[in-house]
Amino acid sequence: MMNFTESVYSFENSQEKNMAFEQVFERISKFMKRNPNGNFRLMLGTDSQVHPKYTRFITGIVIKQEGKGAWACIRRYVVSRQMTNLHERISFETSLTEDIAALFTEERKNELITIVLPNIYQGSSFTIEGHIDIGAGQRNKTRVYVREMISRIESIGIDPKIKPDSLVASSYANRYTK
């Protein structure tokens, strides 16, 4: 992991620009408090696109309440060269996802869990997922990295998802890499 301080991170969505992580966390918490008796999935994932002079990485953060909508934002990161080696790029995507996951400290995770806890016996839930833009299919060039990247996401205590279930990386973040 890159171990940047939180102040290095700047997040945005269609309504807000230049959000600090603390603001992102407040938006997630506020979203969950609106209807705390639901099933929440906090999903983190990164995608990249190689351009002629740089490689753009987009990390998405999505809080989704099943059947009730979502709130999302992205973080942009640019490497000033073409990262054409697939393993390097997939590994870097996973590192960026790990970095964002690390901002959700135990204290912050507990704060979010506390929102749904009173409703747990009525079926409320909260999960954190790390979405990796790789697939295990025979035709997928990234399949050789699946075990390695899943292990990395599991080792930080979040639930790994790969294609076709890695929607934040392969769909949401992907939109902003072009």
Protein backbone atom coordinates (compact mmCIF):
# COMPACT_ATOMS: atom_id res chain seq x y z
CA MET A 1 0.00 0.00 0.00
CA MET A 2 1.10 3.54 -0.69
CA ASN A 3 0.34 4.99 2.76
CA PHE A 4 -0.63 8.48 1.75
CA THR A 5 -2.20 10.67 4.36
CA GLU A 6 -5.93 11.23 3.90
CA SER A 7 -5.33 14.81 2.77
CA VAL A 8 -3.70 13.54 -0.45
CA TYR A 9 -7.01 12.07 -1.55
CA SER A 10 -9.56 14.11 -3.48
CA PHE A 11 -12.90 12.63 -4.47
CA GLU A 12 -15.66 13.80 -6.78
CA ASN A 13 -19.04 12.95 -8.23
CA SER A 14 -21.51 14.77 -10.45
CA GLN A 15 -22.68 16.99 -7.56
CA GLU A 16 -19.43 17.71 -5.71
CA LYS A 17 -15.74 18.15 -6.51
CA ASN A 18 -12.62 18.14 -4.32
CA MET A 19 -14.14 16.19 -1.43
CA ALA A 20 -11.78 15.07 1.31
CA PHE A 21 -12.21 11.49 2.53
CA GLU A 22 -13.86 12.79 5.72
CA GLN A 23 -16.59 14.36 3.55
CA VAL A 24 -17.00 11.11 1.61
CA PHE A 25 -17.36 9.20 4.87
CA GLU A 26 -19.98 11.72 6.09
CA ARG A 27 -21.98 11.26 2.85
CA ILE A 28 -21.89 7.46 3.25
CA SER A 29 -22.97 7.69 6.88
CA LYS A 30 -25.77 10.15 6.03
CA PHE A 31 -26.96 7.87 3.17
CA MET A 32 -27.15 4.90 5.55
CA LYS A 33 -28.89 6.86 8.32
CA ARG A 34 -31.73 7.86 5.97
CA ASN A 35 -33.07 4.31 6.10
CA PRO A 36 -30.96 2.25 8.53
CA ASN A 37 -33.03 -0.92 8.26
CA GLY A 38 -31.72 -2.02 4.89
CA ASN A 39 -29.08 -4.17 3.24
CA PHE A 40 -26.00 -2.05 2.56
CA ARG A 41 -23.01 -2.88 0.37
CA LEU A 42 -19.95 -0.62 0.53
CA MET A 43 -18.12 -1.38 -2.72
CA LEU A 44 -14.62 -0.20 -3.66
CA GLY A 45 -12.92 -0.85 -6.98
CA THR A 46 -10.41 0.52 -9.47
CA ASP A 47 -10.15 0.43 -13.25
CA SER A 48 -7.52 1.84 -15.59
CA GLN A 49 -7.06 2.90 -19.18
CA VAL A 50 -3.75 3.28 -21.01
CA HIS A 51 -3.57 6.51 -23.01
CA PRO A 52 -0.77 7.61 -25.39
CA LYS A 53 1.25 9.50 -22.71
CA TYR A 54 -0.19 8.30 -19.41
CA THR A 55 -2.34 5.70 -17.68
CA ARG A 56 -5.49 6.87 -15.89
CA PHE A 57 -6.75 5.03 -12.82
CA ILE A 58 -10.21 5.60 -11.37
CA THR A 59 -11.19 4.24 -7.97
CA GLY A 60 -14.90 4.16 -7.24
CA ILE A 61 -16.58 4.16 -3.85
CA VAL A 62 -20.24 3.12 -3.93
CA ILE A 63 -22.62 2.67 -1.01
CA LYS A 64 -25.68 0.81 -2.20
CA GLN A 65 -28.84 -0.02 -0.32
CA GLU A 66 -30.54 -2.94 -2.03
CA GLY A 67 -33.70 -1.68 -3.67
CA LYS A 68 -33.24 1.88 -2.42
CA GLY A 69 -30.50 3.43 -4.57
CA ALA A 70 -26.87 4.35 -4.09
CA TRP A 71 -24.40 7.16 -3.46
CA ALA A 72 -21.07 7.11 -5.26
CA CYS A 73 -17.88 9.04 -5.93
CA ILE A 74 -14.53 8.52 -7.66
CA ARG A 75 -10.87 9.30 -7.15
CA ARG A 76 -8.67 9.96 -10.17
CA TYR A 77 -5.01 8.93 -10.26
CA VAL A 78 -2.68 9.36 -13.24
CA VAL A 79 0.66 7.66 -13.87
CA SER A 80 2.65 9.69 -16.39
CA ARG A 81 3.56 6.75 -18.62
CA GLN A 82 1.88 3.94 -20.49
CA MET A 83 1.51 0.98 -18.15
CA THR A 84 1.28 -1.73 -20.79
CA ASN A 85 2.28 -4.68 -18.61
CA LEU A 86 -1.04 -6.26 -17.62
CA HIS A 87 0.18 -7.72 -14.31
CA GLU A 88 1.67 -4.38 -13.25
CA ARG A 89 -1.53 -2.54 -14.09
CA ILE A 90 -3.87 -5.05 -12.38
CA SER A 91 -1.60 -5.06 -9.33
CA PHE A 92 -1.57 -1.25 -9.22
CA GLU A 93 -5.38 -1.15 -9.54
CA THR A 94 -5.59 -3.53 -6.58
CA SER A 95 -3.13 -1.35 -4.60
CA LEU A 96 -5.27 1.73 -5.18
CA THR A 97 -8.35 -0.16 -3.99
CA GLU A 98 -6.41 -1.36 -0.91
CA ASP A 99 -5.38 2.24 -0.16
CA ILE A 100 -8.98 3.44 -0.17
CA ALA A 101 -10.07 0.43 1.91
CA ALA A 102 -7.41 1.37 4.49
CA LEU A 103 -9.13 4.75 4.96
CA PHE A 104 -12.09 2.82 6.36
CA THR A 105 -10.40 2.25 9.72
CA GLU A 106 -11.86 -0.15 12.29
CA GLU A 107 -13.35 2.87 14.05
CA ARG A 108 -15.06 4.06 10.85
CA LYS A 109 -16.29 0.58 9.95
CA ASN A 110 -17.74 0.23 13.46
CA GLU A 111 -19.45 3.60 13.05
CA LEU A 112 -21.19 2.32 9.89
CA ILE A 113 -22.04 -1.04 11.48
CA THR A 114 -23.59 0.83 14.44
CA ILE A 115 -26.07 2.44 12.03
CA VAL A 116 -27.56 -0.93 10.98
CA LEU A 117 -26.96 -2.83 14.24
CA PRO A 118 -30.33 -1.97 15.89
CA ASN A 119 -32.08 -3.45 12.83
CA ILE A 120 -29.97 -6.58 12.36
CA TYR A 121 -32.72 -8.91 13.64
CA GLN A 122 -35.13 -7.35 11.13
CA GLY A 123 -32.77 -8.36 8.32
CA SER A 124 -30.43 -5.35 8.02
CA SER A 125 -26.89 -6.00 6.87
CA PHE A 126 -23.63 -4.24 6.00
CA THR A 127 -20.81 -5.65 3.89
CA ILE A 128 -17.62 -4.21 2.40
CA GLU A 129 -16.52 -5.49 -1.01
CA GLY A 130 -13.34 -5.01 -3.00
CA HIS A 131 -14.16 -5.12 -6.71
CA ILE A 132 -11.31 -6.28 -8.95
CA ASP A 133 -11.46 -5.75 -12.71
CA ILE A 134 -10.40 -9.31 -13.54
CA GLY A 135 -12.18 -12.46 -14.61
CA ALA A 136 -11.66 -16.19 -14.30
CA GLY A 137 -13.11 -17.10 -17.70
CA GLN A 138 -10.95 -19.12 -20.13
CA ARG A 139 -10.78 -16.22 -22.60
CA ASN A 140 -9.91 -13.62 -19.98
CA LYS A 141 -6.23 -12.58 -20.07
CA THR A 142 -6.40 -11.61 -16.39
CA ARG A 143 -7.46 -15.07 -15.16
CA VAL A 144 -3.86 -15.95 -14.18
CA TYR A 145 -3.93 -13.12 -11.59
CA VAL A 146 -7.28 -13.99 -9.99
CA ARG A 147 -5.94 -15.99 -7.03
CA GLU A 148 -3.23 -13.40 -6.24
CA MET A 149 -5.56 -10.37 -6.33
CA ILE A 150 -8.37 -12.14 -4.43
CA SER A 151 -5.85 -13.07 -1.70
CA ARG A 152 -4.73 -9.46 -1.41
CA ILE A 153 -8.30 -8.19 -1.00
CA GLU A 154 -9.16 -10.95 1.49
CA SER A 155 -6.00 -10.18 3.50
CA ILE A 156 -7.31 -6.68 4.28
CA GLY A 157 -10.58 -8.08 5.56
CA ILE A 158 -12.99 -7.26 2.75
CA ASP A 159 -15.01 -9.48 0.44
CA PRO A 160 -13.41 -9.76 -3.04
CA LYS A 161 -15.57 -9.69 -6.17
CA ILE A 162 -14.39 -10.43 -9.73
CA LYS A 163 -16.17 -10.23 -13.08
CA PRO A 164 -19.09 -10.42 -13.61
CA ASP A 165 -19.72 -9.30 -9.99
CA SER A 166 -17.10 -6.52 -9.82
CA LEU A 167 -19.45 -3.78 -10.99
CA VAL A 168 -17.67 -0.85 -9.33
CA ALA A 169 -14.38 -1.62 -11.11
CA SER A 170 -15.65 -3.01 -14.40
CA SER A 171 -18.61 -0.68 -14.91
CA TYR A 172 -18.76 2.41 -12.65
CA ALA A 173 -15.03 3.30 -12.54
CA ASN A 174 -14.59 2.17 -16.14
CA ARG A 175 -16.85 5.01 -17.34
CA TYR A 176 -14.36 7.61 -16.09
CA THR A 177 -11.12 6.06 -17.40
CA LYS A 178 -11.68 7.01 -21.06
